[in-house]
Amino acid sequence: MILRFTRYFFIISVLIITIFTLEYSTGHIQWKIGQKTALQEYRTAKMTILLLPLDSRPPCTQFVEQLAAIAGIKILLPPATLLDNYKTPADRVGLQQWLQTNIAQADAAIISIDMLIHGGLLASRQAQGSTQDQERAIDILIELHEKNPQIPLYVFNIIPRLLIADSEETIRFQKAMTQYSILKDQIALFENPHDVEKLEKIENQVPLELVRKYQSLYIQNRNLNFHLINLTKQGVFAGLVIGQDDSQLFGWPNSIKRTLKNYLSNLPEMNDKIFITRGTDELALTLLGHIATHSSNMQPHIYVAYSHQQAAQTVMPFMPNTVQKTISEKIDLLGGREVDDPNNADFILYVHIGNRKTKDIVLSTAAHQLNGFIEQGYKVALVDLTEDFYASETVLSLLLKQKADLTKLIGYAGWNTTSNSIGTAVTQAALFSQAATNSTSLPESCEIYKSNLEFLIARLLDDWYYQKDIQPDINQRLLLTGIDPYNLGSAYNKTDQHIRELMADKARLLFHQNLANRLIPISAAGANHYIAITDLQIIAHLPWSRTFEIYINPTLTVTYWQ
């Protein structure tokens, strides 16, 4: 009997040590949390979501997986062999079969219409999918719903960007076509005679065949969006998001958006099912946030703070509306509510807009405000934007110089466009706040914080260190040697290896100056505890044969202190 008890005790002890490495020292106990994900170790997935992404880039795939892990959600992605690779479209037939085979494993699905019809975002800009491809895609979605009515389908479709697609035939007409599109929209709205004169001059510079091609592209997109709206009305889709790719205040894309919004104004019953917003790359992850908040019947309360008075009404590059309007759209899509008092909020979304005129006092004031919110116990997610894309215009540039404790942030974003950054930050903060509040055990809380910290660190390394520091320098060096940063070709391996080394150096710097051994307070099981980051390892590489984006996957060793 004693021998049997001893054996059982030994087996249980081995299992415990597999999960936690216990180290005893004077005055505290350390639990080193392993490198398995939350879903593998301490948490059972709350739901499984099938994802057909916009394309294979990290923002459309990896980001969604990482944010889902914070929320305790499992993502089903197609095999990489079926997805697109830069200028090579996805295997649409293979993806259609994958959808039909795997949909039964999911509790919900997020599906990119552009991927299903064209084979990815870049392919959609050139309308590589035919009318027959569109009809086939719609038929498959209707069939998926009819065979699996219990599985809600959330779809998203993109209004093409203002700048016409890159190709040898069209690139020299891009500027003229942009002006043509803007003027056509302005004339339709204002009928200014001076605009008519400008348009007549531009018409002589652009081939009529090219004009007709892009008019047809936008008309087809508008008609497809009407069809998707009607299918949502009929209950085929549980939700529809129509995103607008890079644009300005005027142009054909804006005309489509206005037409669709006018149509939806007569469908108030669809207000919580159909959304029109600025953005592309972040739409799948914001839909993830929408599903998570609605399935839990929790409405995130968000207090929005700006670093200066002009920030809210600024119209950023590639945007057709103000920063404030974009924030409202993303909060609405998330199912959240903006509140006027930080004491009534689940978190603060702190938004900074920098430009060449930004003075040091603005940055120092912003850093002081951020630290003040954190010291008062508020959860804060930082959206750190620049009009000119210079590192010196960001708040993070000052926080890094001050060696600030960046582990206190619950979210950070400053990459690419304003809509991408806002959508990413608000979704991360909402998912983390909800998961941390609902956690029922200390191990689960530790894993939630660890998952969120890993995504936070990935954003710091990508959005600031890579996008603002490494990438501009690499691009300049490539151009000096006659290499196109958007077509690395035979220079890919050497460039990729160099970037890996640079990113590893930046990760070590970030770890030692702003992350290592900082005590991070967490609340679990009704008590206060602390964790600390004791090690950081990263994997980094270029996912496509260009320097525009980077894949970064941080792995933390996080220690619990008692």
Protein backbone atom coordinates (compact mmCIF):
# COMPACT_ATOMS: atom_id res chain seq x y z
CA MET A 1 0.00 0.00 0.00
CA ILE A 2 2.78 2.40 0.96
CA LEU A 3 4.73 1.45 -2.16
CA ARG A 4 1.68 2.09 -4.39
CA PHE A 5 1.11 5.48 -2.73
CA THR A 6 4.77 6.36 -3.26
CA ARG A 7 4.51 5.54 -6.97
CA TYR A 8 1.37 7.64 -7.40
CA PHE A 9 2.98 10.53 -5.55
CA PHE A 10 6.05 10.31 -7.79
CA ILE A 11 3.96 10.32 -11.00
CA ILE A 12 1.90 13.31 -9.85
CA SER A 13 5.06 15.17 -8.88
CA VAL A 14 6.57 14.61 -12.34
CA LEU A 15 3.40 15.96 -13.99
CA ILE A 16 3.43 19.08 -11.83
CA ILE A 17 7.09 19.74 -12.57
CA THR A 18 6.33 19.40 -16.30
CA ILE A 19 3.97 22.34 -16.00
CA PHE A 20 5.88 24.48 -13.51
CA THR A 21 9.57 24.59 -12.71
CA LEU A 22 9.69 25.43 -9.00
CA GLU A 23 12.68 27.37 -7.70
CA TYR A 24 12.90 28.19 -4.01
CA SER A 25 14.93 31.11 -2.73
CA THR A 26 14.77 33.53 0.17
CA GLY A 27 11.40 35.23 0.48
CA HIS A 28 9.73 34.12 -2.77
CA ILE A 29 8.66 31.26 -5.00
CA GLN A 30 9.19 31.39 -8.77
CA TRP A 31 7.00 29.51 -11.25
CA LYS A 32 8.60 29.56 -14.67
CA ILE A 33 5.76 29.32 -17.13
CA GLY A 34 6.67 27.07 -20.04
CA GLN A 35 6.55 27.83 -23.74
CA LYS A 36 3.34 26.00 -24.61
CA THR A 37 0.38 28.13 -25.57
CA ALA A 38 -2.56 28.85 -23.31
CA LEU A 39 -4.81 26.50 -25.25
CA GLN A 40 -2.32 23.63 -25.00
CA GLU A 41 -1.64 23.93 -21.31
CA TYR A 42 -4.16 25.50 -18.98
CA ARG A 43 -7.21 26.37 -21.01
CA THR A 44 -9.79 24.53 -23.04
CA ALA A 45 -10.66 26.44 -26.20
CA LYS A 46 -13.91 28.33 -25.76
CA MET A 47 -14.59 28.05 -29.47
CA THR A 48 -12.97 27.19 -32.77
CA ILE A 49 -13.07 29.71 -35.61
CA LEU A 50 -12.28 28.77 -39.20
CA LEU A 51 -10.39 31.55 -40.98
CA LEU A 52 -10.03 32.06 -44.72
CA PRO A 53 -7.67 35.04 -44.64
CA LEU A 54 -7.35 38.02 -46.95
CA ASP A 55 -3.87 36.79 -47.85
CA SER A 56 -0.96 34.93 -46.29
CA ARG A 57 0.81 37.90 -44.68
CA PRO A 58 1.24 37.90 -40.87
CA PRO A 59 -1.37 40.64 -40.18
CA CYS A 60 -4.02 38.53 -41.88
CA THR A 61 -3.01 35.16 -40.39
CA GLN A 62 -0.51 35.22 -37.50
CA PHE A 63 -2.04 38.26 -35.79
CA VAL A 64 -5.45 36.58 -35.71
CA GLU A 65 -3.99 33.39 -34.21
CA GLN A 66 -2.07 35.33 -31.55
CA LEU A 67 -5.04 37.46 -30.51
CA ALA A 68 -7.28 34.41 -30.48
CA ALA A 69 -4.89 32.70 -28.05
CA ILE A 70 -5.37 35.61 -25.62
CA ALA A 71 -9.13 35.05 -25.75
CA GLY A 72 -8.93 31.25 -25.49
CA ILE A 73 -10.05 30.72 -29.09
CA LYS A 74 -8.61 28.23 -31.56
CA ILE A 75 -8.09 29.31 -35.20
CA LEU A 76 -8.29 26.88 -38.11
CA LEU A 77 -6.18 28.14 -41.06
CA PRO A 78 -5.76 26.59 -44.52
CA PRO A 79 -2.44 24.88 -45.27
CA ALA A 80 0.22 27.35 -46.44
CA THR A 81 0.46 25.44 -49.72
CA LEU A 82 -3.06 26.59 -50.63
CA LEU A 83 -2.51 30.26 -49.80
CA ASP A 84 -1.03 33.01 -51.94
CA ASN A 85 2.63 33.95 -52.00
CA TYR A 86 3.09 37.61 -52.92
CA LYS A 87 2.28 37.86 -56.64
CA THR A 88 1.21 34.21 -56.91
CA PRO A 89 -2.53 33.93 -56.17
CA ALA A 90 -3.92 31.26 -53.87
CA ASP A 91 -5.25 27.91 -55.03
CA ARG A 92 -8.91 28.93 -55.08
CA VAL A 93 -10.25 25.48 -55.96
CA GLY A 94 -8.17 23.95 -53.18
CA LEU A 95 -9.42 26.55 -50.71
CA GLN A 96 -13.03 25.94 -51.70
CA GLN A 97 -12.56 22.23 -51.03
CA TRP A 98 -10.80 23.00 -47.75
CA LEU A 99 -13.73 25.16 -46.65
CA GLN A 100 -16.26 22.46 -47.44
CA THR A 101 -14.20 19.78 -45.68
CA ASN A 102 -13.34 21.70 -42.50
CA ILE A 103 -16.34 23.92 -41.80
CA ALA A 104 -17.95 21.25 -39.57
CA GLN A 105 -15.02 21.49 -37.12
CA ALA A 106 -15.73 25.17 -36.41
CA ASP A 107 -18.10 27.07 -34.17
CA ALA A 108 -17.93 30.06 -36.52
CA ALA A 109 -16.11 31.14 -39.69
CA ILE A 110 -14.43 34.33 -40.89
CA ILE A 111 -14.14 34.34 -44.68
CA SER A 112 -12.45 36.76 -47.06
CA ILE A 113 -14.51 37.21 -50.22
CA ASP A 114 -11.44 38.56 -52.06
CA MET A 115 -9.49 35.40 -51.25
CA LEU A 116 -12.36 33.14 -52.31
CA ILE A 117 -12.96 34.92 -55.64
CA HIS A 118 -9.55 36.27 -56.65
CA GLY A 119 -6.96 34.40 -54.58
CA GLY A 120 -5.88 37.27 -52.30
CA LEU A 121 -5.79 41.03 -51.91
CA LEU A 122 -3.18 41.74 -54.58
CA ALA A 123 -5.02 39.53 -57.07
CA SER A 124 -8.28 41.33 -56.29
CA ARG A 125 -6.73 44.67 -57.25
CA GLN A 126 -6.37 43.31 -60.76
CA ALA A 127 -9.70 41.46 -60.67
CA GLN A 128 -8.10 38.11 -61.49
CA GLY A 129 -11.31 36.33 -60.59
CA SER A 130 -13.93 36.13 -63.34
CA THR A 131 -17.70 36.57 -63.13
CA GLN A 132 -17.96 32.77 -63.05
CA ASP A 133 -15.48 32.67 -60.13
CA GLN A 134 -17.66 35.14 -58.24
CA GLU A 135 -20.81 33.13 -58.88
CA ARG A 136 -19.07 29.92 -57.81
CA ALA A 137 -17.82 31.54 -54.58
CA ILE A 138 -21.29 32.81 -53.68
CA ASP A 139 -22.82 29.40 -54.42
CA ILE A 140 -20.28 27.72 -52.11
CA LEU A 141 -21.05 30.15 -49.28
CA ILE A 142 -24.80 29.58 -49.65
CA GLU A 143 -24.18 25.83 -49.67
CA LEU A 144 -22.01 26.07 -46.54
CA HIS A 145 -24.82 27.87 -44.75
CA GLU A 146 -27.53 25.47 -45.90
CA LYS A 147 -25.55 22.39 -44.83
CA ASN A 148 -24.33 23.96 -41.57
CA PRO A 149 -27.01 26.47 -40.47
CA GLN A 150 -25.79 26.30 -36.87
CA ILE A 151 -22.35 27.70 -37.82
CA PRO A 152 -22.41 31.51 -38.26
CA LEU A 153 -20.52 32.79 -41.29
CA TYR A 154 -18.84 36.20 -41.03
CA VAL A 155 -17.57 37.52 -44.35
CA PHE A 156 -15.63 40.59 -45.39
CA ASN A 157 -15.05 42.24 -48.76
CA ILE A 158 -12.75 45.08 -49.82
CA ILE A 159 -13.57 48.20 -51.84
CA PRO A 160 -10.50 48.54 -54.15
CA ARG A 161 -7.92 51.16 -53.27
CA LEU A 162 -7.71 54.54 -55.02
CA LEU A 163 -4.25 53.86 -56.50
CA ILE A 164 -4.60 51.51 -59.47
CA ALA A 165 -2.83 48.15 -59.32
CA ASP A 166 0.88 47.90 -60.09
CA SER A 167 1.82 46.41 -63.45
CA GLU A 168 4.13 47.24 -66.32
CA GLU A 169 1.14 48.45 -68.37
CA THR A 170 -0.42 50.68 -65.71
CA ILE A 171 2.30 52.00 -63.40
CA ARG A 172 3.08 55.08 -65.49
CA PHE A 173 -0.62 56.07 -65.37
CA GLN A 174 -1.09 55.67 -61.61
CA LYS A 175 -0.79 59.36 -60.75
CA ALA A 176 -3.02 60.51 -63.59
CA MET A 177 -5.64 57.85 -62.82
CA THR A 178 -5.67 58.89 -59.16
CA GLN A 179 -6.32 62.51 -60.15
CA TYR A 180 -8.96 61.36 -62.64
CA SER A 181 -10.79 59.33 -59.99
CA ILE A 182 -10.69 62.17 -57.43
CA LEU A 183 -11.95 64.74 -59.92
CA LYS A 184 -14.78 62.51 -61.13
CA ASP A 185 -15.98 62.18 -57.54
CA GLN A 186 -15.60 65.90 -56.79
CA ILE A 187 -17.47 66.88 -59.95
CA ALA A 188 -20.32 64.51 -59.09
CA LEU A 189 -20.59 66.16 -55.66
CA PHE A 190 -19.84 69.84 -56.32
CA GLU A 191 -20.03 70.42 -60.11
CA ASN A 192 -17.13 72.87 -59.97
CA PRO A 193 -16.30 74.18 -63.52
CA HIS A 194 -12.59 74.37 -62.68
CA ASP A 195 -12.61 70.67 -61.83
CA VAL A 196 -14.25 69.94 -65.20
CA GLU A 197 -11.40 71.76 -66.97
CA LYS A 198 -8.79 69.81 -65.00
CA LEU A 199 -10.54 66.54 -65.82
CA GLU A 200 -10.54 67.27 -69.56
CA LYS A 201 -6.75 67.76 -69.48
CA ILE A 202 -6.18 64.51 -67.61
CA GLU A 203 -8.49 62.56 -69.93
CA ASN A 204 -6.01 63.20 -72.74
CA GLN A 205 -3.22 61.60 -70.66
CA VAL A 206 -4.95 58.31 -69.81
CA PRO A 207 -5.94 55.60 -72.31
CA LEU A 208 -9.72 55.23 -72.55
CA GLU A 209 -9.38 51.46 -72.26
CA LEU A 210 -7.67 51.85 -68.87
CA VAL A 211 -10.39 54.20 -67.63
CA ARG A 212 -13.09 51.75 -68.64
CA LYS A 213 -11.22 48.88 -66.99
CA TYR A 214 -11.15 50.61 -63.61
CA GLN A 215 -14.68 51.93 -63.88
CA SER A 216 -15.74 48.33 -64.45
CA LEU A 217 -13.69 47.16 -61.44
CA TYR A 218 -15.49 49.56 -59.10
CA ILE A 219 -18.92 48.90 -60.57
CA GLN A 220 -18.46 45.13 -60.17
CA ASN A 221 -17.31 45.65 -56.60
CA ARG A 222 -20.33 47.83 -55.80
CA ASN A 223 -22.72 45.24 -57.25
CA LEU A 224 -21.01 42.43 -55.35
CA ASN A 225 -21.35 44.37 -52.10
CA PHE A 226 -25.07 44.87 -52.74
CA HIS A 227 -25.38 41.12 -53.26
CA LEU A 228 -23.50 40.39 -50.02
CA ILE A 229 -25.73 42.83 -48.12
CA ASN A 230 -28.85 41.10 -49.42
CA LEU A 231 -27.48 37.67 -48.48
CA THR A 232 -26.87 38.99 -44.97
CA LYS A 233 -30.48 40.23 -44.87
CA GLN A 234 -31.60 36.73 -45.86
CA GLY A 235 -29.62 35.20 -42.99
CA VAL A 236 -26.94 33.46 -45.05
CA PHE A 237 -24.26 35.51 -43.27
CA ALA A 238 -24.24 36.29 -39.57
CA GLY A 239 -22.17 39.39 -40.26
CA LEU A 240 -20.65 41.38 -43.12
CA VAL A 241 -17.81 43.89 -43.06
CA ILE A 242 -17.05 46.03 -46.11
CA GLY A 243 -13.59 47.55 -45.82
CA GLN A 244 -12.15 50.38 -47.87
CA ASP A 245 -8.58 49.99 -49.07
CA ASP A 246 -6.10 52.92 -49.19
CA SER A 247 -7.90 56.09 -50.23
CA GLN A 248 -8.23 59.84 -49.82
CA LEU A 249 -11.11 62.21 -49.11
CA PHE A 250 -12.47 61.83 -52.66
CA GLY A 251 -12.39 59.22 -55.42
CA TRP A 252 -14.37 56.34 -56.90
CA PRO A 253 -13.96 54.20 -53.74
CA ASN A 254 -15.62 56.93 -51.68
CA SER A 255 -18.47 57.07 -54.17
CA ILE A 256 -19.08 53.35 -53.67
CA LYS A 257 -18.94 53.71 -49.90
CA ARG A 258 -21.47 56.56 -49.92
CA THR A 259 -23.83 54.56 -52.16
CA LEU A 260 -23.65 51.53 -49.88
CA LYS A 261 -24.11 53.62 -46.73
CA ASN A 262 -27.15 55.29 -48.23
CA TYR A 263 -28.63 51.87 -48.99
CA LEU A 264 -27.91 50.63 -45.46
CA SER A 265 -29.53 53.71 -43.93
CA ASN A 266 -32.84 52.13 -44.94
CA LEU A 267 -31.96 48.87 -43.17
CA PRO A 268 -31.72 49.81 -39.48
CA GLU A 269 -32.28 46.17 -38.50
CA MET A 270 -28.84 45.40 -39.98
CA ASN A 271 -26.95 47.93 -37.81
CA ASP A 272 -25.35 45.22 -35.68
CA LYS A 273 -24.67 42.85 -38.59
CA ILE A 274 -23.32 44.97 -41.46
CA PHE A 275 -20.42 47.40 -41.07
CA ILE A 276 -18.64 49.67 -43.53
CA THR A 277 -15.23 50.75 -42.33
CA ARG A 278 -11.82 51.92 -43.46
CA GLY A 279 -9.26 49.14 -43.56
CA THR A 280 -8.16 45.85 -45.08
CA ASP A 281 -5.40 43.95 -43.28
CA GLU A 282 -7.01 44.20 -39.83
CA LEU A 283 -10.56 43.21 -40.78
CA ALA A 284 -10.25 39.52 -39.87
CA LEU A 285 -8.86 40.28 -36.43
CA THR A 286 -11.50 42.93 -35.75
CA LEU A 287 -14.15 40.39 -36.75
CA LEU A 288 -12.52 38.03 -34.25
CA GLY A 289 -13.03 40.71 -31.60
CA HIS A 290 -16.65 41.17 -32.73
CA ILE A 291 -17.35 37.44 -32.39
CA ALA A 292 -15.61 37.16 -29.01
CA THR A 293 -17.42 40.08 -27.40
CA HIS A 294 -20.83 39.12 -28.76
CA SER A 295 -20.49 35.44 -27.81
CA SER A 296 -19.68 36.43 -24.22
CA ASN A 297 -22.38 39.13 -24.08
CA MET A 298 -19.78 41.61 -22.87
CA GLN A 299 -19.60 45.16 -24.20
CA PRO A 300 -16.14 46.72 -23.83
CA HIS A 301 -16.25 50.23 -22.38
CA ILE A 302 -13.47 52.36 -23.85
CA TYR A 303 -12.18 55.78 -22.90
CA VAL A 304 -10.34 57.49 -25.77
CA ALA A 305 -7.60 60.01 -24.95
CA TYR A 306 -5.53 62.03 -27.42
CA SER A 307 -2.00 63.38 -27.07
CA HIS A 308 -3.04 66.83 -28.39
CA GLN A 309 -6.17 68.71 -29.41
CA GLN A 310 -5.70 68.38 -33.18
CA ALA A 311 -5.24 64.62 -33.17
CA ALA A 312 -8.91 63.61 -33.29
CA GLN A 313 -9.71 65.66 -36.40
CA THR A 314 -6.53 64.85 -38.31
CA VAL A 315 -6.97 63.11 -41.68
CA MET A 316 -4.01 60.76 -41.98
CA PRO A 317 -2.31 59.52 -45.18
CA PHE A 318 -4.29 56.88 -47.13
CA MET A 319 -7.41 57.74 -45.13
CA PRO A 320 -10.80 59.08 -46.34
CA ASN A 321 -11.87 60.33 -42.91
CA THR A 322 -10.62 61.65 -39.57
CA VAL A 323 -8.86 59.69 -36.85
CA GLN A 324 -11.88 60.13 -34.57
CA LYS A 325 -14.21 58.69 -37.24
CA THR A 326 -11.95 55.66 -37.69
CA ILE A 327 -11.90 55.03 -33.94
CA SER A 328 -15.70 55.20 -33.80
CA GLU A 329 -15.96 52.70 -36.66
CA LYS A 330 -13.63 50.21 -34.98
CA ILE A 331 -15.32 50.48 -31.59
CA ASP A 332 -18.71 50.02 -33.27
CA LEU A 333 -17.49 46.93 -35.14
CA LEU A 334 -16.04 45.50 -31.95
CA GLY A 335 -19.39 45.93 -30.24
CA GLY A 336 -17.88 48.35 -27.75
CA ARG A 337 -18.99 51.62 -26.26
CA GLU A 338 -17.00 54.83 -25.93
CA VAL A 339 -17.33 56.41 -22.47
CA ASP A 340 -16.48 59.89 -21.18
CA ASP A 341 -14.92 58.84 -17.87
CA PRO A 342 -11.85 56.55 -17.59
CA ASN A 343 -13.25 55.28 -14.28
CA ASN A 344 -16.13 53.71 -16.22
CA ALA A 345 -13.87 52.14 -18.84
CA ASP A 346 -12.37 48.68 -19.21
CA PHE A 347 -9.32 50.33 -20.73
CA ILE A 348 -7.99 53.59 -22.14
CA LEU A 349 -7.18 53.86 -25.85
CA TYR A 350 -4.45 56.50 -25.94
CA VAL A 351 -3.96 57.93 -29.44
CA HIS A 352 -0.95 59.94 -30.54
CA ILE A 353 -0.58 61.65 -33.93
CA GLY A 354 2.90 62.95 -34.74
CA ASN A 355 4.30 64.89 -37.68
CA ARG A 356 7.34 66.97 -38.59
CA LYS A 357 5.96 69.87 -36.58
CA THR A 358 5.53 67.84 -33.41
CA LYS A 359 7.47 69.52 -30.63
CA ASP A 360 9.34 67.76 -27.87
CA ILE A 361 6.91 69.19 -25.33
CA VAL A 362 4.04 67.30 -27.03
CA LEU A 363 5.91 64.01 -26.75
CA SER A 364 6.97 64.63 -23.15
CA THR A 365 3.41 65.62 -22.21
CA ALA A 366 2.06 62.48 -23.87
CA ALA A 367 4.58 60.28 -22.05
CA HIS A 368 3.66 61.97 -18.76
CA GLN A 369 -0.06 61.41 -19.40
CA LEU A 370 0.51 57.76 -20.24
CA ASN A 371 2.55 57.15 -17.12
CA GLY A 372 -0.06 59.01 -15.07
CA PHE A 373 -2.87 56.76 -16.32
CA ILE A 374 -0.80 53.63 -15.62
CA GLU A 375 0.22 54.77 -12.13
CA GLN A 376 -3.46 55.33 -11.31
CA GLY A 377 -4.14 51.70 -12.18
CA TYR A 378 -5.79 52.11 -15.59
CA LYS A 379 -5.19 49.62 -18.40
CA VAL A 380 -3.77 51.54 -21.37
CA ALA A 381 -3.34 50.62 -25.05
CA LEU A 382 -1.20 53.04 -27.09
CA VAL A 383 -1.86 53.86 -30.75
CA ASP A 384 1.33 55.62 -31.84
CA LEU A 385 0.91 57.16 -35.31
CA THR A 386 3.01 59.44 -37.50
CA GLU A 387 2.00 61.39 -40.57
CA ASP A 388 5.50 61.20 -42.05
CA PHE A 389 6.42 57.74 -40.73
CA TYR A 390 9.45 58.97 -38.80
CA ALA A 391 10.49 57.33 -35.53
CA SER A 392 11.17 60.70 -33.93
CA GLU A 393 7.48 61.64 -34.23
CA THR A 394 6.33 58.77 -31.97
CA VAL A 395 5.74 58.68 -28.23
CA LEU A 396 7.56 55.36 -28.08
CA SER A 397 10.78 57.07 -29.17
CA LEU A 398 10.74 59.06 -25.91
CA LEU A 399 9.61 56.11 -23.76
CA LEU A 400 12.54 54.07 -25.07
CA LYS A 401 14.99 56.85 -24.25
CA GLN A 402 13.53 57.03 -20.75
CA LYS A 403 13.87 53.23 -20.44
CA ALA A 404 10.23 53.16 -19.45
CA ASP A 405 8.55 49.98 -18.22
CA LEU A 406 6.68 48.98 -21.39
CA THR A 407 5.22 45.87 -19.76
CA LYS A 408 2.59 48.11 -18.18
CA LEU A 409 0.95 48.70 -21.58
CA ILE A 410 -1.79 46.24 -22.52
CA GLY A 411 -1.54 47.07 -26.23
CA TYR A 412 0.57 48.92 -28.79
CA ALA A 413 0.18 49.60 -32.50
CA GLY A 414 1.79 51.99 -34.94
CA TRP A 415 2.18 50.07 -38.18
CA ASN A 416 1.07 50.85 -41.70
CA THR A 417 -2.20 52.81 -41.87
CA THR A 418 -4.26 54.49 -39.16
CA SER A 419 -7.13 52.03 -39.50
CA ASN A 420 -4.83 49.02 -39.23
CA SER A 421 -3.23 50.35 -36.07
CA ILE A 422 -6.44 51.42 -34.35
CA GLY A 423 -8.24 48.19 -35.25
CA THR A 424 -5.35 46.08 -33.95
CA ALA A 425 -4.85 47.97 -30.68
CA VAL A 426 -8.52 48.22 -29.72
CA THR A 427 -9.09 44.53 -30.45
CA GLN A 428 -6.03 43.40 -28.47
CA ALA A 429 -7.01 45.55 -25.49
CA ALA A 430 -10.63 44.36 -25.54
CA LEU A 431 -9.76 40.66 -25.81
CA PHE A 432 -7.12 40.90 -23.09
CA SER A 433 -9.31 42.89 -20.69
CA GLN A 434 -12.17 40.45 -21.12
CA ALA A 435 -9.97 37.36 -20.72
CA ALA A 436 -8.14 38.72 -17.67
CA THR A 437 -11.43 39.65 -15.98
CA ASN A 438 -12.99 36.24 -16.60
CA SER A 439 -9.95 34.17 -15.59
CA THR A 440 -10.73 31.68 -12.82
CA SER A 441 -7.25 30.50 -11.81
CA LEU A 442 -3.71 31.75 -11.33
CA PRO A 443 -2.16 29.51 -14.03
CA GLU A 444 -4.79 30.66 -16.54
CA SER A 445 -4.18 34.32 -15.67
CA CYS A 446 -0.43 33.88 -16.08
CA GLU A 447 -0.91 32.40 -19.53
CA ILE A 448 -3.32 35.17 -20.58
CA TYR A 449 -0.79 37.82 -19.55
CA LYS A 450 2.05 35.92 -21.23
CA SER A 451 0.12 35.64 -24.53
CA ASN A 452 -0.74 39.34 -24.42
CA LEU A 453 2.84 40.34 -23.61
CA GLU A 454 4.13 38.30 -26.55
CA PHE A 455 1.77 40.07 -28.94
CA LEU A 456 2.65 43.44 -27.37
CA ILE A 457 6.38 42.78 -27.82
CA ALA A 458 5.83 41.65 -31.41
CA ARG A 459 4.13 44.95 -32.13
CA LEU A 460 6.92 46.97 -30.51
CA LEU A 461 9.55 45.10 -32.52
CA ASP A 462 7.60 45.26 -35.78
CA ASP A 463 5.78 48.60 -35.70
CA TRP A 464 8.66 50.64 -34.30
CA TYR A 465 12.02 48.86 -34.50
CA TYR A 466 11.46 47.33 -37.92
CA GLN A 467 9.08 49.71 -39.68
CA LYS A 468 10.58 52.95 -38.38
CA ASP A 469 14.25 52.01 -37.99
CA ILE A 470 15.51 48.92 -39.81
CA GLN A 471 13.30 48.89 -42.90
CA PRO A 472 14.04 52.45 -44.11
CA ASP A 473 17.78 51.87 -43.77
CA ILE A 474 17.64 48.49 -45.50
CA ASN A 475 15.57 49.91 -48.36
CA GLN A 476 18.00 52.76 -48.90
CA ARG A 477 20.94 50.36 -49.00
CA LEU A 478 19.15 48.06 -51.44
CA LEU A 479 18.29 50.90 -53.79
CA LEU A 480 21.90 52.10 -53.80
CA THR A 481 22.94 48.66 -55.05
CA GLY A 482 20.22 48.56 -57.70
CA ILE A 483 17.90 46.14 -55.86
CA ASP A 484 14.16 46.80 -55.68
CA PRO A 485 12.92 46.39 -52.06
CA TYR A 486 9.60 45.18 -53.52
CA ASN A 487 11.30 42.53 -55.66
CA LEU A 488 14.32 41.11 -53.86
CA GLY A 489 14.85 38.21 -56.23
CA SER A 490 18.25 36.60 -55.71
CA ALA A 491 18.99 39.11 -52.91
CA TYR A 492 16.24 37.65 -50.71
CA ASN A 493 18.34 35.18 -48.68
CA LYS A 494 21.11 37.67 -47.89
CA THR A 495 18.62 40.42 -47.03
CA ASP A 496 16.52 38.08 -44.91
CA GLN A 497 19.54 36.86 -42.93
CA HIS A 498 20.73 40.41 -42.32
CA ILE A 499 17.28 41.43 -41.06
CA ARG A 500 17.14 38.38 -38.77
CA GLU A 501 20.41 39.45 -37.15
CA LEU A 502 19.32 43.07 -36.78
CA MET A 503 15.98 42.10 -35.25
CA ALA A 504 17.70 39.76 -32.77
CA ASP A 505 19.90 42.68 -31.68
CA LYS A 506 16.88 44.95 -31.27
CA ALA A 507 15.04 42.29 -29.27
CA ARG A 508 17.97 41.97 -26.86
CA LEU A 509 18.11 45.76 -26.48
CA LEU A 510 14.36 46.01 -25.83
CA PHE A 511 14.49 43.15 -23.34
CA HIS A 512 17.34 44.51 -21.23
CA GLN A 513 16.27 48.16 -21.23
CA ASN A 514 12.48 48.00 -21.03
CA LEU A 515 11.23 44.50 -20.19
CA ALA A 516 13.57 42.37 -18.08
CA ASN A 517 12.51 41.51 -14.52
CA ARG A 518 9.95 44.29 -14.26
CA LEU A 519 7.24 43.25 -11.82
CA ILE A 520 3.90 43.05 -13.64
CA PRO A 521 0.83 43.02 -11.37
CA ILE A 522 -1.91 40.56 -12.21
CA SER A 523 -5.20 39.83 -10.50
CA ALA A 524 -6.24 36.19 -10.18
CA ALA A 525 -8.61 34.27 -7.94
CA GLY A 526 -9.46 37.44 -6.03
CA ALA A 527 -5.85 38.20 -5.06
CA ASN A 528 -2.98 40.29 -6.39
CA HIS A 529 0.12 38.59 -7.78
CA TYR A 530 3.17 39.51 -9.84
CA ILE A 531 4.94 38.07 -12.86
CA ALA A 532 8.15 39.12 -14.58
CA ILE A 533 9.77 38.51 -17.98
CA THR A 534 13.05 36.68 -17.47
CA ASP A 535 13.91 35.76 -21.07
CA LEU A 536 12.96 36.75 -24.62
CA GLN A 537 13.66 34.77 -27.79
CA ILE A 538 12.40 35.70 -31.26
CA ILE A 539 12.01 34.22 -34.70
CA ALA A 540 12.03 36.83 -37.48
CA HIS A 541 12.07 36.62 -41.27
CA LEU A 542 10.64 38.17 -44.42
CA PRO A 543 7.46 36.26 -45.36
CA TRP A 544 7.47 37.51 -48.96
CA SER A 545 10.26 38.50 -51.34
CA ARG A 546 10.08 42.14 -50.29
CA THR A 547 10.91 44.21 -47.22
CA PHE A 548 7.46 45.73 -46.74
CA GLU A 549 6.41 43.42 -43.88
CA ILE A 550 8.12 41.07 -41.45
CA TYR A 551 7.16 37.93 -39.55
CA ILE A 552 8.06 38.16 -35.85
CA ASN A 553 7.27 35.51 -33.26
CA PRO A 554 8.50 36.27 -29.71
CA THR A 555 8.65 33.56 -27.04
CA LEU A 556 8.83 34.66 -23.42
CA THR A 557 9.88 32.98 -20.23
CA VAL A 558 7.59 34.54 -17.63
CA THR A 559 8.17 33.96 -13.91
CA TYR A 560 5.55 34.18 -11.18
CA TRP A 561 6.68 35.90 -7.97
CA GLN A 562 5.01 35.43 -4.62
